[in-house]
């Protein structure tokens, strides 16, 4: 029999994250600091709206683009937060999580051979989505000394005549890095000059601790060439509701909606009704969760300093990305031995790109009690390695 599997699928590397969690699930007393999922329950008033929608029998398909009421609330939210208006009828699409929006954008925009600049370390889906859409990923190695911010010179060196897209993954998973307005302004002229389009994944935009998050869409000339992607999973603790959205130019959103129509039909109706409630009345919940995460972030940075573990200070998302280079171990070996000896799971930096070697990702989307126990075990592990 012929090999039934497409080569471009078999050649994709599996996610480097799942391996450790499969082990943790069967390990007694193990603590995982690896999953990028809020430890908060979805706020009750949001859950209640989802329940109410079921009780009222709202189990029908919505339009392909999503409930108009939800798209209107998203338009209001983006205008309030970034000062940019999107037409809720033609420039907003509701998707099954932000991940579907990334996939749709790649497939709608890329022709075979088009190059996509992907700064790394970054979320594991970007490169596979580019490849499956027929594009060519061109990775840029971000540097710790630059706080993992994309530099103008790095972008310029990566651009070729085949460059079509730039992925902007900020606030960043796994590093927690942010891009401030001045950072984005340094890229804007280069983007326009080279006629590059942007996928701006801003799923962690509400989890920014230094100052209010600034999107590249707020800069002159950027809305017209940007697919703005966001969602409800991180800010509202709604990971399992599987709801995201994309905003962008009408001609691009039309084609993304066409693909969405054929592959998905529409995002879950119950989740859409819950999301309307989240946008209308959930800001206080977001603020409270952000404050809790910020407290955990500061706690981890203090503890790392006490144990002599080098880590630049992240100001976004809910991850830290400490360096383990002093131990002369690969990120994979470090994580494997930490899990085996101390029953603490963290993620190798290489899961997010080859340039993540020498780092590990630690999520602080966990209770302070669990973080304290895990950090004490990590402290012991480091002391043993240092002799």
Foldseek 3Di string as FASTA:
>chain_A
DDDPDDPLVVPDDPQQQVPLVVVLVPDPPFAEQADQFFPDDQDPVLVVLLVVCVVVVVQDFDFLQADLLLLVLVQVVCCVQQVDGFDSVQFKGKFQALLLVLLLLLLLFDDAAAEEEEEPLADLRNCSSNVVSNYHYDYFYADVVVVSQDAQVSVVVRDDLRHAEYEAQPVGPPALAHADPVRLVSNVVVCVVSVHAYEYECQFQLQFAPDRHHDSCSDPPHQARYWYKYFCCQLRSPVVLRIIMIGGDRVSSVSSSVVSCVPPVHRGNSSSSSSSCCSVPVPVVSVVVSVVLVVLLVVVVVLCVVLVWAWDRRGTRFKTKTFQVVLVDWLVVVQVCLCVPQSYHWGQLCSSPPSSTRIIIGGPSDDPVSVVSSSVSVSVVVVVSVD
